[in-house]
C-alpha atoms as a PDB file:
ATOM      1  CA  MET A   1     -49.102  -6.470  18.448  1.00  0.00           C
ATOM      2  CA  VAL A   2     -47.625  -9.879  19.229  1.00  0.00           C
ATOM      3  CA  LEU A   3     -45.344  -9.850  22.035  1.00  0.00           C
ATOM      4  CA  GLU A   4     -41.649 -10.692  21.794  1.00  0.00           C
ATOM      5  CA  HIS A   5     -40.961 -14.014  23.077  1.00  0.00           C
ATOM      6  CA  GLU A   6     -39.266 -16.804  22.606  1.00  0.00           C
ATOM      7  CA  LEU A   7     -39.603 -20.632  23.343  1.00  0.00           C
ATOM      8  CA  ILE A   8     -37.544 -22.936  24.738  1.00  0.00           C
ATOM      9  CA  ALA A   9     -36.940 -26.368  24.523  1.00  0.00           C
ATOM     10  CA  ARG A  10     -35.124 -28.777  26.300  1.00  0.00           C
ATOM     11  CA  GLU A  11     -34.849 -32.822  26.722  1.00  0.00           C
ATOM     12  CA  GLY A  12     -38.335 -34.256  27.200  1.00  0.00           C
ATOM     13  CA  PRO A  13     -41.838 -35.046  26.185  1.00  0.00           C
ATOM     14  CA  GLN A  14     -42.249 -31.066  26.025  1.00  0.00           C
ATOM     15  CA  ASP A  15     -45.454 -31.809  25.192  1.00  0.00           C
ATOM     16  CA  ARG A  16     -47.114 -28.621  26.869  1.00  0.00           C
ATOM     17  CA  LEU A  17     -47.019 -25.151  27.248  1.00  0.00           C
ATOM     18  CA  LEU A  18     -45.507 -22.703  30.287  1.00  0.00           C
ATOM     19  CA  LEU A  19     -46.091 -19.409  30.087  1.00  0.00           C
ATOM     20  CA  LEU A  20     -42.998 -17.316  32.110  1.00  0.00           C
ATOM     21  CA  ILE A  21     -43.681 -14.517  32.735  1.00  0.00           C
ATOM     22  CA  HIS A  22     -40.830 -11.852  33.909  1.00  0.00           C
ATOM     23  CA  GLY A  23     -41.147  -9.412  36.882  1.00  0.00           C
ATOM     24  CA  TYR A  24     -41.257  -5.871  36.900  1.00  0.00           C
ATOM     25  CA  GLY A  25     -37.539  -4.470  34.933  1.00  0.00           C
ATOM     26  CA  GLU A  26     -36.439  -8.580  35.620  1.00  0.00           C
ATOM     27  CA  SER A  27     -34.855 -10.806  33.302  1.00  0.00           C
ATOM     28  CA  THR A  28     -36.145 -14.223  32.713  1.00  0.00           C
ATOM     29  CA  ALA A  29     -33.030 -15.044  33.665  1.00  0.00           C
ATOM     30  CA  PRO A  30     -33.835 -16.211  37.166  1.00  0.00           C
ATOM     31  CA  MET A  31     -36.961 -18.619  35.505  1.00  0.00           C
ATOM     32  CA  THR A  32     -35.007 -19.767  32.660  1.00  0.00           C
ATOM     33  CA  ASP A  33     -31.666 -20.563  34.353  1.00  0.00           C
ATOM     34  CA  ARG A  34     -34.111 -22.902  36.760  1.00  0.00           C
ATOM     35  CA  LEU A  35     -35.725 -24.730  34.194  1.00  0.00           C
ATOM     36  CA  ASP A  36     -34.675 -28.071  35.233  1.00  0.00           C
ATOM     37  CA  LEU A  37     -35.745 -27.377  38.408  1.00  0.00           C
ATOM     38  CA  ILE A  38     -39.046 -25.597  37.889  1.00  0.00           C
ATOM     39  CA  ASP A  39     -39.757 -28.439  35.476  1.00  0.00           C
ATOM     40  CA  PRO A  40     -37.276 -31.631  36.058  1.00  0.00           C
ATOM     41  CA  GLU A  41     -39.010 -34.264  33.454  1.00  0.00           C
ATOM     42  CA  GLY A  42     -38.850 -31.824  30.828  1.00  0.00           C
ATOM     43  CA  ARG A  43     -42.538 -32.174  29.689  1.00  0.00           C
ATOM     44  CA  PHE A  44     -42.680 -28.536  29.328  1.00  0.00           C
ATOM     45  CA  VAL A  45     -41.834 -26.142  26.656  1.00  0.00           C
ATOM     46  CA  ALA A  46     -41.534 -22.903  27.970  1.00  0.00           C
ATOM     47  CA  LEU A  47     -42.492 -19.598  26.256  1.00  0.00           C
ATOM     48  CA  VAL A  48     -41.299 -16.642  27.523  1.00  0.00           C
ATOM     49  CA  PRO A  49     -42.472 -13.445  26.257  1.00  0.00           C
ATOM     50  CA  ARG A  50     -41.194  -9.631  27.011  1.00  0.00           C
ATOM     51  CA  ALA A  51     -42.676  -6.663  28.515  1.00  0.00           C
ATOM     52  CA  PRO A  52     -44.761  -4.514  26.125  1.00  0.00           C
ATOM     53  CA  PHE A  53     -43.970  -1.048  28.259  1.00  0.00           C
ATOM     54  CA  THR A  54     -41.295   0.105  29.423  1.00  0.00           C
ATOM     55  CA  HIS A  55     -40.174   2.710  32.519  1.00  0.00           C
ATOM     56  CA  LYS A  56     -37.610   4.080  33.083  1.00  0.00           C
ATOM     57  CA  GLY A  57     -35.389   1.826  30.313  1.00  0.00           C
ATOM     58  CA  ALA A  58     -36.909  -1.203  32.026  1.00  0.00           C
ATOM     59  CA  ASP A  59     -39.183  -3.534  30.386  1.00  0.00           C
ATOM     60  CA  ILE A  60     -42.426  -3.797  32.506  1.00  0.00           C
ATOM     61  CA  TRP A  61     -45.882  -5.254  31.926  1.00  0.00           C
ATOM     62  CA  HIS A  62     -47.510  -2.589  33.770  1.00  0.00           C
ATOM     63  CA  ARG A  63     -46.628   0.886  36.068  1.00  0.00           C
ATOM     64  CA  ALA A  64     -46.834   0.047  40.048  1.00  0.00           C
ATOM     65  CA  LEU A  65     -50.382   0.056  40.883  1.00  0.00           C
ATOM     66  CA  PHE A  66     -50.143   1.214  44.236  1.00  0.00           C
ATOM     67  CA  GLY A  67     -48.146   3.949  42.361  1.00  0.00           C
ATOM     68  CA  ASN A  68     -49.176   7.245  40.991  1.00  0.00           C
ATOM     69  CA  ALA A  69     -49.335   6.064  37.797  1.00  0.00           C
ATOM     70  CA  ASP A  70     -52.980   6.614  36.416  1.00  0.00           C
ATOM     71  CA  ASP A  71     -52.266   3.786  33.357  1.00  0.00           C
ATOM     72  CA  ALA A  72     -51.439   1.044  35.449  1.00  0.00           C
ATOM     73  CA  VAL A  73     -54.686  -0.706  35.498  1.00  0.00           C
ATOM     74  CA  GLU A  74     -55.323  -0.220  31.760  1.00  0.00           C
ATOM     75  CA  GLN A  75     -51.468  -1.585  31.508  1.00  0.00           C
ATOM     76  CA  TYR A  76     -52.084  -4.761  33.221  1.00  0.00           C
ATOM     77  CA  HIS A  77     -55.433  -5.430  31.108  1.00  0.00           C
ATOM     78  CA  SER A  78     -53.790  -4.750  28.097  1.00  0.00           C
ATOM     79  CA  SER A  79     -50.485  -6.978  28.791  1.00  0.00           C
ATOM     80  CA  LEU A  80     -53.235  -9.384  30.027  1.00  0.00           C
ATOM     81  CA  ALA A  81     -54.814  -9.311  26.692  1.00  0.00           C
ATOM     82  CA  ARG A  82     -51.389 -10.089  24.679  1.00  0.00           C
ATOM     83  CA  LEU A  83     -50.500 -12.937  27.234  1.00  0.00           C
ATOM     84  CA  GLY A  84     -53.786 -14.586  26.749  1.00  0.00           C
ATOM     85  CA  GLY A  85     -53.334 -13.630  22.464  1.00  0.00           C
ATOM     86  CA  LEU A  86     -49.956 -15.022  22.717  1.00  0.00           C
ATOM     87  CA  VAL A  87     -50.661 -18.227  24.580  1.00  0.00           C
ATOM     88  CA  ASP A  88     -54.085 -18.736  21.744  1.00  0.00           C
ATOM     89  CA  GLU A  89     -51.998 -18.348  18.720  1.00  0.00           C
ATOM     90  CA  VAL A  90     -48.488 -20.769  19.989  1.00  0.00           C
ATOM     91  CA  CYS A  91     -50.834 -23.339  21.234  1.00  0.00           C
ATOM     92  CA  ALA A  92     -52.612 -23.193  17.974  1.00  0.00           C
ATOM     93  CA  ARG A  93     -49.645 -23.100  15.545  1.00  0.00           C
ATOM     94  CA  ASP A  94     -47.262 -25.603  17.631  1.00  0.00           C
ATOM     95  CA  GLY A  95     -49.728 -27.784  18.766  1.00  0.00           C
ATOM     96  CA  PHE A  96     -49.772 -27.649  22.530  1.00  0.00           C
ATOM     97  CA  ASP A  97     -53.617 -28.324  24.661  1.00  0.00           C
ATOM     98  CA  PRO A  98     -54.289 -24.515  26.028  1.00  0.00           C
ATOM     99  CA  ALA A  99     -55.964 -26.551  28.778  1.00  0.00           C
ATOM    100  CA  GLU A 100     -52.713 -28.106  29.655  1.00  0.00           C
ATOM    101  CA  ALA A 101     -50.584 -25.198  30.127  1.00  0.00           C
ATOM    102  CA  VAL A 102     -49.206 -23.711  32.577  1.00  0.00           C
ATOM    103  CA  PHE A 103     -49.197 -19.993  33.730  1.00  0.00           C
ATOM    104  CA  ALA A 104     -45.975 -19.157  35.983  1.00  0.00           C
ATOM    105  CA  GLY A 105     -44.329 -15.723  36.614  1.00  0.00           C
ATOM    106  CA  PHE A 106     -41.895 -14.100  39.512  1.00  0.00           C
ATOM    107  CA  SER A 107     -43.646 -10.651  41.366  1.00  0.00           C
ATOM    108  CA  GLN A 108     -45.496  -8.444  38.895  1.00  0.00           C
ATOM    109  CA  GLY A 109     -45.453 -11.607  36.562  1.00  0.00           C
ATOM    110  CA  GLY A 110     -46.829 -13.603  38.825  1.00  0.00           C
ATOM    111  CA  GLY A 111     -49.622 -11.497  39.608  1.00  0.00           C
ATOM    112  CA  LEU A 112     -50.498 -11.545  35.810  1.00  0.00           C
ATOM    113  CA  ALA A 113     -50.246 -15.310  35.571  1.00  0.00           C
ATOM    114  CA  ILE A 114     -52.825 -15.958  38.400  1.00  0.00           C
ATOM    115  CA  GLY A 115     -55.038 -12.985  36.485  1.00  0.00           C
ATOM    116  CA  LEU A 116     -54.390 -15.181  32.764  1.00  0.00           C
ATOM    117  CA  GLY A 117     -55.887 -18.054  34.646  1.00  0.00           C
ATOM    118  CA  LEU A 118     -58.466 -16.153  36.706  1.00  0.00           C
ATOM    119  CA  ALA A 119     -59.744 -14.192  33.913  1.00  0.00           C
ATOM    120  CA  THR A 120     -63.130 -15.104  32.224  1.00  0.00           C
ATOM    121  CA  ALA A 121     -61.733 -15.178  29.149  1.00  0.00           C
ATOM    122  CA  GLU A 122     -62.998 -17.086  25.744  1.00  0.00           C
ATOM    123  CA  ARG A 123     -60.495 -19.823  26.198  1.00  0.00           C
ATOM    124  CA  PRO A 124     -60.257 -23.012  28.056  1.00  0.00           C
ATOM    125  CA  ARG A 125     -58.868 -23.332  31.823  1.00  0.00           C
ATOM    126  CA  PRO A 126     -55.519 -23.824  32.266  1.00  0.00           C
ATOM    127  CA  ALA A 127     -53.857 -26.619  33.827  1.00  0.00           C
ATOM    128  CA  GLY A 128     -52.045 -24.518  36.852  1.00  0.00           C
ATOM    129  CA  CYS A 129     -51.137 -21.239  37.662  1.00  0.00           C
ATOM    130  CA  ILE A 130     -47.594 -20.212  39.599  1.00  0.00           C
ATOM    131  CA  GLY A 131     -47.227 -16.674  41.149  1.00  0.00           C
ATOM    132  CA  TRP A 132     -43.408 -16.565  43.155  1.00  0.00           C
ATOM    133  CA  CYS A 133     -43.736 -13.438  45.295  1.00  0.00           C
ATOM    134  CA  ALA A 134     -46.582 -12.595  43.829  1.00  0.00           C
ATOM    135  CA  PHE A 135     -50.369 -11.695  44.921  1.00  0.00           C
ATOM    136  CA  ALA A 136     -54.075 -11.837  43.850  1.00  0.00           C
ATOM    137  CA  PRO A 137     -54.252  -8.727  41.401  1.00  0.00           C
ATOM    138  CA  PRO A 138     -55.969  -6.045  42.788  1.00  0.00           C
ATOM    139  CA  ILE A 139     -57.135  -5.092  39.072  1.00  0.00           C
ATOM    140  CA  GLU A 140     -60.473  -3.418  38.480  1.00  0.00           C
ATOM    141  CA  GLY A 141     -63.026  -4.889  36.275  1.00  0.00           C
ATOM    142  CA  LEU A 142     -60.631  -8.452  36.193  1.00  0.00           C
ATOM    143  CA  ALA A 143     -63.719 -10.287  35.062  1.00  0.00           C
ATOM    144  CA  ILE A 144     -63.999 -13.970  37.114  1.00  0.00           C
ATOM    145  CA  ARG A 145     -66.678 -16.156  36.933  1.00  0.00           C
ATOM    146  CA  ARG A 146     -66.116 -18.926  40.675  1.00  0.00           C
ATOM    147  CA  GLY A 147     -67.505 -21.692  38.630  1.00  0.00           C
ATOM    148  CA  ARG A 148     -65.093 -21.544  35.864  1.00  0.00           C
ATOM    149  CA  VAL A 149     -61.796 -20.937  38.839  1.00  0.00           C
ATOM    150  CA  ALA A 150     -63.601 -23.301  41.508  1.00  0.00           C
ATOM    151  CA  GLY A 151     -60.730 -26.452  41.781  1.00  0.00           C
ATOM    152  CA  LEU A 152     -58.140 -24.327  39.647  1.00  0.00           C
ATOM    153  CA  PRO A 153     -54.462 -25.352  41.010  1.00  0.00           C
ATOM    154  CA  VAL A 154     -52.887 -22.392  41.861  1.00  0.00           C
ATOM    155  CA  LEU A 155     -49.759 -22.259  43.830  1.00  0.00           C
ATOM    156  CA  LEU A 156     -48.487 -19.110  45.294  1.00  0.00           C
ATOM    157  CA  THR A 157     -45.054 -17.977  47.452  1.00  0.00           C
ATOM    158  CA  SER A 158     -44.133 -15.369  50.114  1.00  0.00           C
ATOM    159  CA  SER A 159     -41.658 -14.441  51.652  1.00  0.00           C
ATOM    160  CA  HIS A 160     -41.568 -12.630  55.228  1.00  0.00           C
ATOM    161  CA  ASP A 161     -38.687 -10.223  54.175  1.00  0.00           C
ATOM    162  CA  ASP A 162     -39.826  -9.023  51.038  1.00  0.00           C
ATOM    163  CA  VAL A 163     -39.737  -5.650  51.285  1.00  0.00           C
ATOM    164  CA  PHE A 164     -42.324  -5.541  47.980  1.00  0.00           C
ATOM    165  CA  ILE A 165     -45.335  -7.596  49.707  1.00  0.00           C
ATOM    166  CA  GLY A 166     -45.238  -7.778  53.536  1.00  0.00           C
ATOM    167  CA  ILE A 167     -46.189 -10.984  54.678  1.00  0.00           C
ATOM    168  CA  ASP A 168     -49.471 -10.204  56.473  1.00  0.00           C
ATOM    169  CA  SER A 169     -50.410  -8.709  52.933  1.00  0.00           C
ATOM    170  CA  SER A 170     -49.783 -12.387  51.497  1.00  0.00           C
ATOM    171  CA  ARG A 171     -52.045 -14.050  53.564  1.00  0.00           C
ATOM    172  CA  GLN A 172     -54.494 -11.932  52.800  1.00  0.00           C
ATOM    173  CA  SER A 173     -53.753 -12.320  49.559  1.00  0.00           C
ATOM    174  CA  ALA A 174     -53.529 -16.633  49.842  1.00  0.00           C
ATOM    175  CA  ALA A 175     -56.975 -16.664  51.688  1.00  0.00           C
ATOM    176  CA  VAL A 176     -59.335 -14.726  48.899  1.00  0.00           C
ATOM    177  CA  LEU A 177     -58.252 -17.035  46.356  1.00  0.00           C
ATOM    178  CA  ARG A 178     -58.737 -19.630  49.075  1.00  0.00           C
ATOM    179  CA  ASP A 179     -61.969 -18.450  49.504  1.00  0.00           C
ATOM    180  CA  LEU A 180     -62.549 -17.738  45.758  1.00  0.00           C
ATOM    181  CA  GLY A 181     -62.527 -22.069  45.599  1.00  0.00           C
ATOM    182  CA  VAL A 182     -58.976 -22.249  44.004  1.00  0.00           C
ATOM    183  CA  ASP A 183     -56.636 -25.226  44.873  1.00  0.00           C
ATOM    184  CA  LEU A 184     -54.549 -23.568  46.636  1.00  0.00           C
ATOM    185  CA  SER A 185     -50.413 -24.501  47.847  1.00  0.00           C
ATOM    186  CA  PHE A 186     -49.153 -21.552  49.743  1.00  0.00           C
ATOM    187  CA  ILE A 187     -45.734 -21.375  50.630  1.00  0.00           C
ATOM    188  CA  GLU A 188     -43.542 -19.424  52.937  1.00  0.00           C
ATOM    189  CA  VAL A 189     -39.855 -18.563  53.171  1.00  0.00           C
ATOM    190  CA  HIS A 190     -37.331 -16.173  54.394  1.00  0.00           C
ATOM    191  CA  THR A 191     -35.444 -15.520  51.479  1.00  0.00           C
ATOM    192  CA  GLY A 192     -36.653 -11.906  50.224  1.00  0.00           C
ATOM    193  CA  HIS A 193     -37.910 -10.850  47.379  1.00  0.00           C
ATOM    194  CA  ARG A 194     -36.487 -13.447  44.762  1.00  0.00           C
ATOM    195  CA  LEU A 195     -36.794 -16.625  43.134  1.00  0.00           C
ATOM    196  CA  THR A 196     -34.562 -19.366  44.447  1.00  0.00           C
ATOM    197  CA  ASP A 197     -33.640 -22.663  44.128  1.00  0.00           C
ATOM    198  CA  GLU A 198     -35.871 -23.700  46.423  1.00  0.00           C
ATOM    199  CA  LEU A 199     -38.592 -21.824  45.423  1.00  0.00           C
ATOM    200  CA  ALA A 200     -38.169 -23.506  41.552  1.00  0.00           C
ATOM    201  CA  LYS A 201     -38.092 -27.040  43.278  1.00  0.00           C
ATOM    202  CA  ALA A 202     -40.972 -26.580  44.996  1.00  0.00           C
ATOM    203  CA  ALA A 203     -42.347 -25.875  41.796  1.00  0.00           C
ATOM    204  CA  GLY A 204     -41.016 -28.828  40.372  1.00  0.00           C
ATOM    205  CA  ALA A 205     -42.803 -31.182  43.067  1.00  0.00           C
ATOM    206  CA  TRP A 206     -46.146 -29.085  42.659  1.00  0.00           C
ATOM    207  CA  LEU A 207     -45.830 -29.432  39.180  1.00  0.00           C
ATOM    208  CA  GLY A 208     -45.319 -33.069  39.284  1.00  0.00           C
ATOM    209  CA  GLY A 209     -48.072 -33.715  41.387  1.00  0.00           C
ATOM    210  CA  GLU A 210     -46.565 -33.662  45.396  1.00  0.00           C
ATOM    211  CA  ALA A 211     -48.348 -31.717  48.151  1.00  0.00           C
ATOM    212  CA  VAL A 212     -46.485 -28.790  49.188  1.00  0.00           C
ATOM    213  CA  GLY A 213     -46.618 -25.732  51.350  1.00  0.00           C
ATOM    214  CA  ARG A 214     -48.546 -24.968  53.993  1.00  0.00           C
ATOM    215  CA  SER A 215     -52.124 -25.212  55.262  1.00  0.00           C
ATOM    216  CA  THR A 216     -54.580 -21.596  55.125  1.00  0.00           C
ATOM    217  CA  ASP A 217     -56.664 -22.991  57.686  1.00  0.00           C
ATOM    218  CA  GLY A 218     -57.314 -20.003  60.246  1.00  0.00           C
ATOM    219  CA  ILE A 219     -55.608 -17.253  57.458  1.00  0.00           C
ATOM    220  CA  ASP A 220     -58.470 -14.078  57.422  1.00  0.00           C
ATOM    221  CA  ALA A 221     -58.790 -12.466  54.274  1.00  0.00           C
ATOM    222  CA  GLY A 222     -59.676  -9.154  56.465  1.00  0.00           C
ATOM    223  CA  ASP A 223     -60.480  -6.221  54.932  1.00  0.00           C
ATOM    224  CA  PHE A 224     -58.187  -6.760  51.860  1.00  0.00           C
ATOM    225  CA  ALA A 225     -61.413  -9.642  50.802  1.00  0.00           C
ATOM    226  CA  ALA A 226     -63.808  -6.907  50.342  1.00  0.00           C
ATOM    227  CA  TRP A 227     -61.776  -4.612  48.801  1.00  0.00           C
ATOM    228  CA  ILE A 228     -60.602  -6.456  45.921  1.00  0.00           C
ATOM    229  CA  HIS A 229     -64.599  -8.075  45.926  1.00  0.00           C
ATOM    230  CA  ASP A 230     -65.105  -5.039  44.885  1.00  0.00           C
ATOM    231  CA  LEU A 231     -62.287  -4.539  42.199  1.00  0.00           C
ATOM    232  CA  TRP A 232     -63.241  -7.409  40.790  1.00  0.00           C
ATOM    233  CA  ASP A 233     -65.968  -8.181  38.233  1.00  0.00           C
ATOM    234  CA  LEU A 234     -67.253 -11.338  40.287  1.00  0.00           C
ATOM    235  CA  THR A 235     -70.333 -13.747  39.110  1.00  0.00           C
ATOM    236  CA  GLU A 236     -71.038 -17.033  39.975  1.00  0.00           C
END
């Protein structure tokens, strides 16, 4: 089943694909309204899909992972497969190089963007992943090969006053990604659980090759590392 989606083209080279994945019950506007900040040079065509599931009238990619929904993990895997299929289809149809694509998302969408970049699907590794107010996905059975993801550029942002993802959890999540071998850039702000102009500009700088964020040296992944490694299907 092909996801509902739109392609947003602007002025510029537009020779690469930027997948933008909205959050739980969120509109795409926080990302699409800031495309000129995220991609100031117009290098990307934005691919903006709509989540395939609903809950209480809201579009979602999966039910809350730490809630009582038994189908949350199954929905995550289903959404991940559909997003990957959509990227493959659009790249093949419109001539984009999948190895130059960037996967980005907010909150739940960020967890999917990172998961799509990490997973050992039979497709080229993307050029990078962005997770605004996101996390390393705690998904059972997520197949990850260390050799494939080593050096993968990942931008992860977190907020000290995020009511959904605490700063300590975010730091441990960042440490897990760092220890996995990705090329991690980690940003901490004080702007709550939302995508701001500041974070959009930081993503634009990062996409342009600038160094952004803080060092994760000294951050310990703690018990989160053992737990998430038990969930993942992690190989060398």
